[in-house]
């Protein structure tokens, strides 16, 4: 592919406005055909482009915009198919985005079925190879020059692979039937060699398996001696209303794990039942924290990625969790916590800093506690969660000495 003859997008626009309008589309075609990577990043500035003759309006949907809807209006270059928008970012930013094409622009909070709107109007960036995909949505990823690494873990062909088994799991405690449960066993796992493995239970297993590539990350960490081989149970979450009911301060979620999930897993796989790990993202992280505090004697590993403890109904739990983290005689030995710099301040960021202060003070009088806090340059996004997972998994399950 030929390289672009423009050193900046502004230089391209300058040439456009010095050229007869009848030739503008030819220059647009040359620009789109000559650049290998989009968005066009120039130091701390990123230029997003969308190519369409038929769109009536196009907006850039950025997960770090704190308004509803989180859109920036893109400008159309007259008499061409080019829509564009420029914005400054911190140089370590790693953010999700999509294009909202002909979207009505009404507040998302008023949507009865947000996924119908996403399917109808939102698009990933076809010019950008970096994306995160789940079974419902694909989002594109902007990676600024100093952003965290964001590899495609599944494409690492030289890494020995574990296996993932899919089960159907039902719970009387929570009243659901036949949810998907994926169980990862590490490379070299042998159900008949007499060895038991530690277990990590991840909430919202559908994200962990697909978009976040947890099994592939674990394979790579195990290969390079960064993580001990563990079994990972990834149980699917319900709808958003079911997630809120099941994950936020619900003792029955812990009862489901202890009385139903663990016996099920022990019947199928070789698991150490007295040395468990819990983890989750968003409300799933709240559920992991709640379950760990219910029985820290058998939960030694805890992974908290952006728990939303600053808004009801989770806000009422924050004081209780803070007191228990401060005063409980025993906590999980390995705790990892992260938050995105661009996440909502009162819902995510400030509660995260409050928990950080409590746990860092706890470490001063409890040297056995291995706690790590990381702030990442992301919003509440799959890209951010995926970028921090290798560090999180390596911390909560370090290689055995």
Protein backbone atom coordinates (compact mmCIF):
# COMPACT_ATOMS: atom_id res chain seq x y z
CA UNK A 1 0.00 0.00 0.00
CA UNK A 2 1.45 3.42 -0.89
CA UNK A 3 2.23 5.77 1.97
CA UNK A 4 0.27 8.98 2.45
CA UNK A 5 1.85 12.12 1.02
CA UNK A 6 0.29 14.23 3.77
CA UNK A 7 2.16 14.64 7.05
CA UNK A 8 -0.95 15.62 8.97
CA UNK A 9 -4.70 15.73 8.57
CA UNK A 10 -4.57 19.53 8.74
CA UNK A 11 -2.16 19.49 5.80
CA UNK A 12 -4.67 17.35 3.91
CA UNK A 13 -7.45 19.84 4.64
CA UNK A 14 -5.25 22.75 3.56
CA UNK A 15 -4.68 21.08 0.19
CA UNK A 16 -8.40 20.35 -0.12
CA UNK A 17 -9.31 24.02 0.26
CA UNK A 18 -6.69 25.04 -2.31
CA UNK A 19 -8.07 22.59 -4.87
CA UNK A 20 -11.16 22.92 -7.10
CA UNK A 21 -14.16 21.38 -5.37
CA UNK A 22 -14.69 18.96 -8.24
CA UNK A 23 -11.40 17.27 -7.28
CA UNK A 24 -12.09 16.93 -3.56
CA UNK A 25 -13.49 13.40 -3.68
CA UNK A 26 -10.42 12.23 -5.58
CA UNK A 27 -8.21 13.53 -2.76
CA UNK A 28 -10.48 11.85 -0.19
CA UNK A 29 -10.17 8.54 -2.05
CA UNK A 30 -6.40 8.97 -2.16
CA UNK A 31 -6.25 9.68 1.58
CA UNK A 32 -8.37 6.68 2.53
CA UNK A 33 -6.45 4.41 0.18
CA UNK A 34 -2.99 5.51 1.25
CA UNK A 35 -3.14 5.32 5.06
CA UNK A 36 -2.75 1.91 6.69
CA UNK A 37 -3.98 2.87 10.15
CA UNK A 38 -6.94 4.83 11.46
CA UNK A 39 -7.62 6.83 13.55
CA UNK A 40 -4.76 9.08 12.47
CA UNK A 41 -2.76 9.77 15.64
CA UNK A 42 -0.41 12.77 15.68
CA UNK A 43 1.24 13.08 19.11
CA UNK A 44 -1.75 13.81 21.38
CA UNK A 45 -4.33 14.37 18.64
CA UNK A 46 -6.47 11.67 17.00
CA UNK A 47 -8.50 12.13 13.81
CA UNK A 48 -11.46 9.81 13.24
CA UNK A 49 -12.96 9.43 9.76
CA UNK A 50 -16.09 7.76 8.42
CA UNK A 51 -16.73 7.19 4.71
CA UNK A 52 -20.36 7.48 3.56
CA UNK A 53 -22.30 9.28 0.84
CA UNK A 54 -25.70 8.34 2.25
CA UNK A 55 -25.43 9.11 5.99
CA UNK A 56 -27.56 12.01 7.19
CA UNK A 57 -25.58 12.47 10.39
CA UNK A 58 -22.61 10.73 11.99
CA UNK A 59 -21.42 10.98 15.59
CA UNK A 60 -18.40 9.57 17.35
CA UNK A 61 -19.50 7.49 20.34
CA UNK A 62 -16.67 7.58 22.90
CA UNK A 63 -16.95 5.69 26.17
CA UNK A 64 -15.07 8.48 28.01
CA UNK A 65 -17.61 11.24 27.23
CA UNK A 66 -19.59 12.05 30.38
CA UNK A 67 -22.87 13.16 28.85
CA UNK A 68 -25.94 11.42 27.49
CA UNK A 69 -25.63 10.37 24.74
CA UNK A 70 -21.80 10.18 24.78
CA UNK A 71 -21.43 11.57 21.25
CA UNK A 72 -19.21 14.06 19.44
CA UNK A 73 -20.74 15.34 16.19
CA UNK A 74 -18.64 14.56 13.12
CA UNK A 75 -18.28 17.09 10.30
CA UNK A 76 -18.87 16.24 6.67
CA UNK A 77 -16.45 17.65 4.11
CA UNK A 78 -18.79 19.27 1.60
CA UNK A 79 -19.49 17.38 -1.62
CA UNK A 80 -17.51 14.35 -0.45
CA UNK A 81 -18.15 11.10 1.42
CA UNK A 82 -15.73 12.04 4.23
CA UNK A 83 -16.92 12.68 7.78
CA UNK A 84 -14.27 13.56 10.37
CA UNK A 85 -13.68 14.59 13.96
CA UNK A 86 -10.48 15.51 15.85
CA UNK A 87 -9.87 15.33 19.59
CA UNK A 88 -6.94 15.56 22.01
CA UNK A 89 -6.16 12.54 24.22
CA UNK A 90 -3.61 11.78 26.87
CA UNK A 91 -0.82 9.83 25.29
CA UNK A 92 -1.46 6.65 27.30
CA UNK A 93 -5.18 6.54 26.48
CA UNK A 94 -6.79 3.27 25.39
CA UNK A 95 -10.48 3.83 24.67
CA UNK A 96 -13.43 2.16 22.98
CA UNK A 97 -15.41 3.95 20.31
CA UNK A 98 -18.06 3.41 17.64
CA UNK A 99 -19.74 5.48 14.95
CA UNK A 100 -23.40 6.37 15.50
CA UNK A 101 -24.83 6.69 11.99
CA UNK A 102 -28.24 8.38 11.66
CA UNK A 103 -28.78 7.84 15.38
CA UNK A 104 -31.70 9.91 16.76
CA UNK A 105 -29.40 11.45 19.39
CA UNK A 106 -31.88 11.01 22.26
CA UNK A 107 -30.60 10.18 25.77
CA UNK A 108 -29.58 6.57 26.24
CA UNK A 109 -31.11 6.59 29.71
CA UNK A 110 -34.54 6.75 28.10
CA UNK A 111 -34.02 3.72 25.86
CA UNK A 112 -36.29 0.76 26.53
CA UNK A 113 -33.99 -1.60 24.58
CA UNK A 114 -30.54 -0.13 24.11
CA UNK A 115 -29.22 -3.10 22.14
CA UNK A 116 -31.88 -2.58 19.47
CA UNK A 117 -30.61 0.98 19.03
CA UNK A 118 -27.00 -0.18 18.95
CA UNK A 119 -27.81 -2.75 16.27
CA UNK A 120 -29.73 -0.23 14.19
CA UNK A 121 -27.38 2.74 14.26
CA UNK A 122 -23.93 2.04 15.75
CA UNK A 123 -20.99 0.74 13.73
CA UNK A 124 -17.37 -0.23 14.44
CA UNK A 125 -14.64 1.51 12.49
CA UNK A 126 -14.04 -0.59 9.38
CA UNK A 127 -10.70 1.19 8.83
CA UNK A 128 -9.34 0.15 12.24
CA UNK A 129 -8.06 -3.39 12.83
CA UNK A 130 -8.11 -3.04 16.62
CA UNK A 131 -11.44 -4.04 18.13
CA UNK A 132 -13.12 -5.91 20.96
CA UNK A 133 -15.97 -8.27 20.09
CA UNK A 134 -18.63 -10.04 22.10
CA UNK A 135 -21.66 -11.94 20.93
CA UNK A 136 -23.71 -8.71 21.04
CA UNK A 137 -21.39 -5.92 19.95
CA UNK A 138 -18.07 -5.04 18.34
CA UNK A 139 -16.30 -1.86 19.40
CA UNK A 140 -13.20 -0.30 17.87
CA UNK A 141 -10.20 0.67 19.97
CA UNK A 142 -8.10 3.83 19.91
CA UNK A 143 -4.58 3.09 21.12
CA UNK A 144 -2.51 6.20 21.76
CA UNK A 145 1.32 5.92 21.52
CA UNK A 146 1.94 5.15 25.20
CA UNK A 147 -1.16 3.06 25.81
CA UNK A 148 -1.02 -0.34 27.44
CA UNK A 149 -0.29 -3.26 25.09
CA UNK A 150 -3.40 -4.62 23.45
CA UNK A 151 -2.46 -7.83 21.63
CA UNK A 152 -4.82 -10.35 20.10
CA UNK A 153 -4.05 -13.15 22.53
CA UNK A 154 -5.86 -15.79 20.49
CA UNK A 155 -3.49 -15.18 17.56
CA UNK A 156 -0.40 -16.29 19.53
CA UNK A 157 0.09 -19.62 17.81
CA UNK A 158 3.25 -20.69 19.68
CA UNK A 159 1.47 -20.76 23.06
CA UNK A 160 0.33 -24.15 24.42
CA UNK A 161 -3.42 -24.06 24.83
CA UNK A 162 -5.63 -25.22 27.64
CA UNK A 163 -9.15 -26.46 27.02
CA UNK A 164 -12.54 -24.84 27.57
CA UNK A 165 -15.57 -26.99 28.40
CA UNK A 166 -19.11 -25.67 28.17
CA UNK A 167 -21.72 -26.83 30.66
CA UNK A 168 -25.33 -25.93 31.36
CA UNK A 169 -25.80 -24.83 34.95
CA UNK A 170 -28.94 -24.14 36.99
CA UNK A 171 -29.33 -22.57 40.41
CA UNK A 172 -32.14 -22.93 42.92
CA UNK A 173 -30.54 -20.22 45.06
CA UNK A 174 -30.84 -17.58 42.33
CA UNK A 175 -33.73 -19.12 40.42
CA UNK A 176 -32.18 -19.51 36.97
CA UNK A 177 -31.92 -22.49 34.65
CA UNK A 178 -29.50 -23.61 31.96
CA UNK A 179 -27.09 -20.71 31.94
CA UNK A 180 -23.80 -21.28 30.17
CA UNK A 181 -20.86 -22.18 32.36
CA UNK A 182 -17.43 -22.35 30.70
CA UNK A 183 -14.59 -24.09 32.51
CA UNK A 184 -10.99 -23.54 31.46
CA UNK A 185 -8.39 -26.14 32.31
CA UNK A 186 -4.74 -25.15 31.82
CA UNK A 187 -2.25 -26.73 29.42
CA UNK A 188 -1.11 -30.11 30.71
CA UNK A 189 -4.17 -30.62 32.90
CA UNK A 190 -4.76 -34.31 33.57
CA UNK A 191 -7.81 -35.32 35.55
CA UNK A 192 -6.12 -38.59 36.51
CA UNK A 193 -2.70 -37.46 37.75
CA UNK A 194 -3.85 -36.77 41.34
CA UNK A 195 -3.07 -33.06 41.28
CA UNK A 196 -5.66 -30.53 42.47
CA UNK A 197 -5.80 -27.02 41.00
CA UNK A 198 -6.80 -23.71 42.49
CA UNK A 199 -10.04 -22.28 41.13
CA UNK A 200 -10.90 -18.80 39.91
CA UNK A 201 -14.62 -18.02 39.56
CA UNK A 202 -15.35 -15.13 37.19
CA UNK A 203 -18.72 -13.42 37.02
CA UNK A 204 -20.14 -12.44 33.59
CA UNK A 205 -18.44 -15.40 31.97
CA UNK A 206 -19.69 -14.50 28.51
CA UNK A 207 -17.44 -11.41 28.53
CA UNK A 208 -14.50 -13.23 30.09
CA UNK A 209 -14.57 -15.93 27.42
CA UNK A 210 -15.15 -13.83 24.29
CA UNK A 211 -14.26 -10.16 24.46
CA UNK A 212 -11.68 -10.37 27.25
CA UNK A 213 -9.94 -13.56 26.01
CA UNK A 214 -9.27 -14.80 29.55
CA UNK A 215 -8.33 -18.39 28.54
CA UNK A 216 -5.83 -17.14 25.94
CA UNK A 217 -4.30 -14.65 28.40
CA UNK A 218 -3.98 -17.39 31.02
CA UNK A 219 -2.26 -19.67 28.48
CA UNK A 220 0.36 -17.01 27.70
CA UNK A 221 0.97 -16.12 31.35
CA UNK A 222 1.36 -19.78 32.29
CA UNK A 223 3.78 -20.41 29.43
CA UNK A 224 6.04 -17.55 30.54
CA UNK A 225 5.91 -18.41 34.24
CA UNK A 226 3.89 -15.35 35.23
CA UNK A 227 0.90 -17.26 36.60
CA UNK A 228 0.34 -20.63 38.18
CA UNK A 229 -1.87 -23.06 36.25
CA UNK A 230 -5.42 -22.69 37.58
CA UNK A 231 -8.91 -23.78 36.62
CA UNK A 232 -11.18 -20.87 35.68
CA UNK A 233 -14.97 -21.14 35.91
CA UNK A 234 -16.74 -18.44 33.87
CA UNK A 235 -20.45 -18.37 34.63
CA UNK A 236 -22.72 -16.32 32.37
CA UNK A 237 -24.56 -13.40 33.88
CA UNK A 238 -28.22 -12.72 33.28
CA UNK A 239 -29.88 -9.63 31.84
CA UNK A 240 -28.88 -6.24 33.23
CA UNK A 241 -31.76 -6.26 35.72
CA UNK A 242 -30.86 -9.82 36.77
CA UNK A 243 -27.20 -8.83 37.18
CA UNK A 244 -28.12 -5.98 39.50
CA UNK A 245 -30.37 -8.20 41.58
CA UNK A 246 -27.94 -11.12 41.77
CA UNK A 247 -24.61 -9.30 42.05
CA UNK A 248 -25.19 -6.36 44.39
CA UNK A 249 -25.01 -7.45 48.01
CA UNK A 250 -26.85 -10.71 47.45
CA UNK A 251 -25.95 -13.45 49.94
CA UNK A 252 -27.67 -15.94 47.65
CA UNK A 253 -25.01 -15.37 45.00
CA UNK A 254 -22.36 -16.61 47.45
CA UNK A 255 -24.66 -19.47 48.47
CA UNK A 256 -25.00 -20.41 44.80
CA UNK A 257 -21.21 -20.57 44.47
CA UNK A 258 -20.62 -22.48 47.72
CA UNK A 259 -23.57 -24.87 47.68
CA UNK A 260 -24.18 -25.42 43.98
CA UNK A 261 -21.31 -24.33 41.73
CA UNK A 262 -18.43 -25.76 43.77
CA UNK A 263 -19.96 -29.24 44.14
CA UNK A 264 -20.76 -29.25 40.43
CA UNK A 265 -17.18 -28.31 39.52
CA UNK A 266 -15.64 -30.77 41.98
CA UNK A 267 -17.61 -33.58 40.34
CA UNK A 268 -16.19 -32.63 36.93
CA UNK A 269 -12.67 -31.32 37.64
CA UNK A 270 -9.80 -31.58 40.15
CA UNK A 271 -10.20 -28.49 42.34
CA UNK A 272 -8.79 -27.33 45.67
CA UNK A 273 -12.03 -26.32 47.44
CA UNK A 274 -10.32 -24.44 50.28
CA UNK A 275 -8.21 -22.04 48.21
CA UNK A 276 -10.53 -20.13 45.89
CA UNK A 277 -10.39 -16.99 43.82
CA UNK A 278 -13.23 -14.67 42.81
CA UNK A 279 -13.20 -11.92 40.20
CA UNK A 280 -15.41 -9.72 38.12
CA UNK A 281 -15.92 -6.53 36.16
CA UNK A 282 -18.35 -3.76 37.14
CA UNK A 283 -21.25 -5.21 39.14
CA UNK A 284 -19.52 -8.59 38.82
CA UNK A 285 -16.61 -7.15 40.83
CA UNK A 286 -19.06 -6.15 43.57
CA UNK A 287 -20.36 -9.72 43.61
CA UNK A 288 -16.80 -11.06 43.85
CA UNK A 289 -16.00 -8.74 46.76
CA UNK A 290 -19.21 -9.64 48.57
CA UNK A 291 -18.60 -13.37 48.16
CA UNK A 292 -14.97 -13.08 49.27
CA UNK A 293 -15.94 -11.21 52.44
CA UNK A 294 -18.54 -13.85 53.25
CA UNK A 295 -15.83 -16.46 53.74
CA UNK A 296 -12.26 -15.12 53.54
CA UNK A 297 -10.98 -18.30 55.20
CA UNK A 298 -11.28 -20.14 51.88
CA UNK A 299 -11.02 -17.20 49.43
CA UNK A 300 -7.36 -16.26 49.00
CA UNK A 301 -7.52 -14.48 45.63
CA UNK A 302 -9.68 -11.49 44.69
CA UNK A 303 -9.79 -9.49 41.45
CA UNK A 304 -11.81 -6.25 41.35
CA UNK A 305 -12.05 -4.43 38.03
CA UNK A 306 -14.03 -1.18 38.34
CA UNK A 307 -16.75 -2.01 40.87
CA UNK A 308 -19.47 0.71 40.69
CA UNK A 309 -19.76 1.45 44.39
CA UNK A 310 -20.66 5.12 44.12
CA UNK A 311 -24.27 4.95 42.97
CA UNK A 312 -27.40 3.33 44.37
CA UNK A 313 -28.09 0.55 44.98
CA UNK A 314 -24.36 -0.21 45.39
CA UNK A 315 -23.62 3.00 47.32
CA UNK A 316 -25.28 1.67 50.45
CA UNK A 317 -22.85 -1.27 50.35
CA UNK A 318 -19.71 0.88 50.20
CA UNK A 319 -19.67 1.79 53.89
CA UNK A 320 -20.19 -1.83 54.90
CA UNK A 321 -17.46 -3.12 52.60
CA UNK A 322 -15.08 -0.39 53.73
CA UNK A 323 -15.59 -1.30 57.37
CA UNK A 324 -15.14 -5.00 56.72
CA UNK A 325 -11.99 -4.46 54.65
CA UNK A 326 -10.62 -2.31 57.45
CA UNK A 327 -11.62 -4.44 60.43
CA UNK A 328 -12.05 -8.06 59.32
CA UNK A 329 -9.53 -10.35 61.05
CA UNK A 330 -8.81 -12.08 57.74
CA UNK A 331 -8.80 -10.95 54.12
CA UNK A 332 -7.87 -12.71 50.87
CA UNK A 333 -4.08 -12.86 50.66
CA UNK A 334 -3.94 -11.57 47.06
CA UNK A 335 -6.14 -8.64 46.03
CA UNK A 336 -5.96 -6.76 42.75
CA UNK A 337 -7.99 -3.63 42.07
CA UNK A 338 -8.14 -1.33 39.06
CA UNK A 339 -10.14 1.66 37.87
CA UNK A 340 -10.22 3.70 34.68
CA UNK A 341 -9.06 7.30 34.80
CA UNK A 342 -12.01 8.34 32.62
CA UNK A 343 -14.71 6.38 34.41
CA UNK A 344 -17.54 8.29 36.03
CA UNK A 345 -16.05 10.14 38.97
CA UNK A 346 -18.66 9.53 41.66
CA UNK A 347 -19.77 6.10 40.51
CA UNK A 348 -16.39 4.45 39.92
CA UNK A 349 -13.32 6.61 40.46
CA UNK A 350 -13.82 8.14 43.92
CA UNK A 351 -15.05 4.87 45.53
CA UNK A 352 -12.01 3.12 44.01
CA UNK A 353 -9.66 5.62 45.65
CA UNK A 354 -11.48 5.17 48.96
CA UNK A 355 -11.01 1.37 48.84
CA UNK A 356 -7.40 1.88 47.81
CA UNK A 357 -6.70 4.00 50.89
CA UNK A 358 -8.28 1.44 53.19
CA UNK A 359 -6.39 -1.50 51.72
CA UNK A 360 -3.05 0.31 51.63
CA UNK A 361 -3.44 1.20 55.31
CA UNK A 362 -4.42 -2.41 55.96
CA UNK A 363 -1.16 -3.57 54.35
CA UNK A 364 0.83 -1.47 56.84
CA UNK A 365 -0.42 -3.66 59.70
CA UNK A 366 -0.89 -6.85 57.69
CA UNK A 367 2.34 -7.53 55.77
CA UNK A 368 0.98 -10.85 54.48
CA UNK A 369 -1.59 -8.97 52.38
CA UNK A 370 -0.49 -8.70 48.74
CA UNK A 371 -2.56 -5.81 47.41
CA UNK A 372 -2.06 -3.98 44.12
CA UNK A 373 -3.96 -1.01 42.71
CA UNK A 374 -3.64 0.18 39.11
CA UNK A 375 -5.20 3.19 37.41
CA UNK A 376 -5.51 2.77 33.66
CA UNK A 377 -6.11 5.44 31.01
CA UNK A 378 -9.48 4.05 29.94
CA UNK A 379 -13.17 4.44 30.57
CA UNK A 380 -15.54 1.70 31.69
CA UNK A 381 -14.73 -0.31 28.61
CA UNK A 382 -13.94 -3.80 27.40
CA UNK A 383 -10.66 -2.50 25.96
CA UNK A 384 -9.57 -1.22 29.35
CA UNK A 385 -10.57 -4.42 31.13
CA UNK A 386 -8.78 -6.57 28.57
CA UNK A 387 -5.61 -4.48 28.85
CA UNK A 388 -5.39 -4.86 32.63
CA UNK A 389 -6.32 -8.55 32.87
CA UNK A 390 -2.79 -9.94 32.36
CA UNK A 391 -1.51 -7.90 35.30
CA UNK A 392 -4.54 -8.81 37.41
CA UNK A 393 -4.29 -12.56 36.79
CA UNK A 394 -0.53 -12.58 37.37
CA UNK A 395 -0.97 -10.80 40.70
CA UNK A 396 -3.81 -12.85 42.16
CA UNK A 397 -2.33 -16.20 41.08
CA UNK A 398 1.46 -15.80 41.03
CA UNK A 399 3.57 -18.90 40.33
CA UNK A 400 4.00 -21.13 43.32
CA UNK A 401 7.47 -21.03 44.76
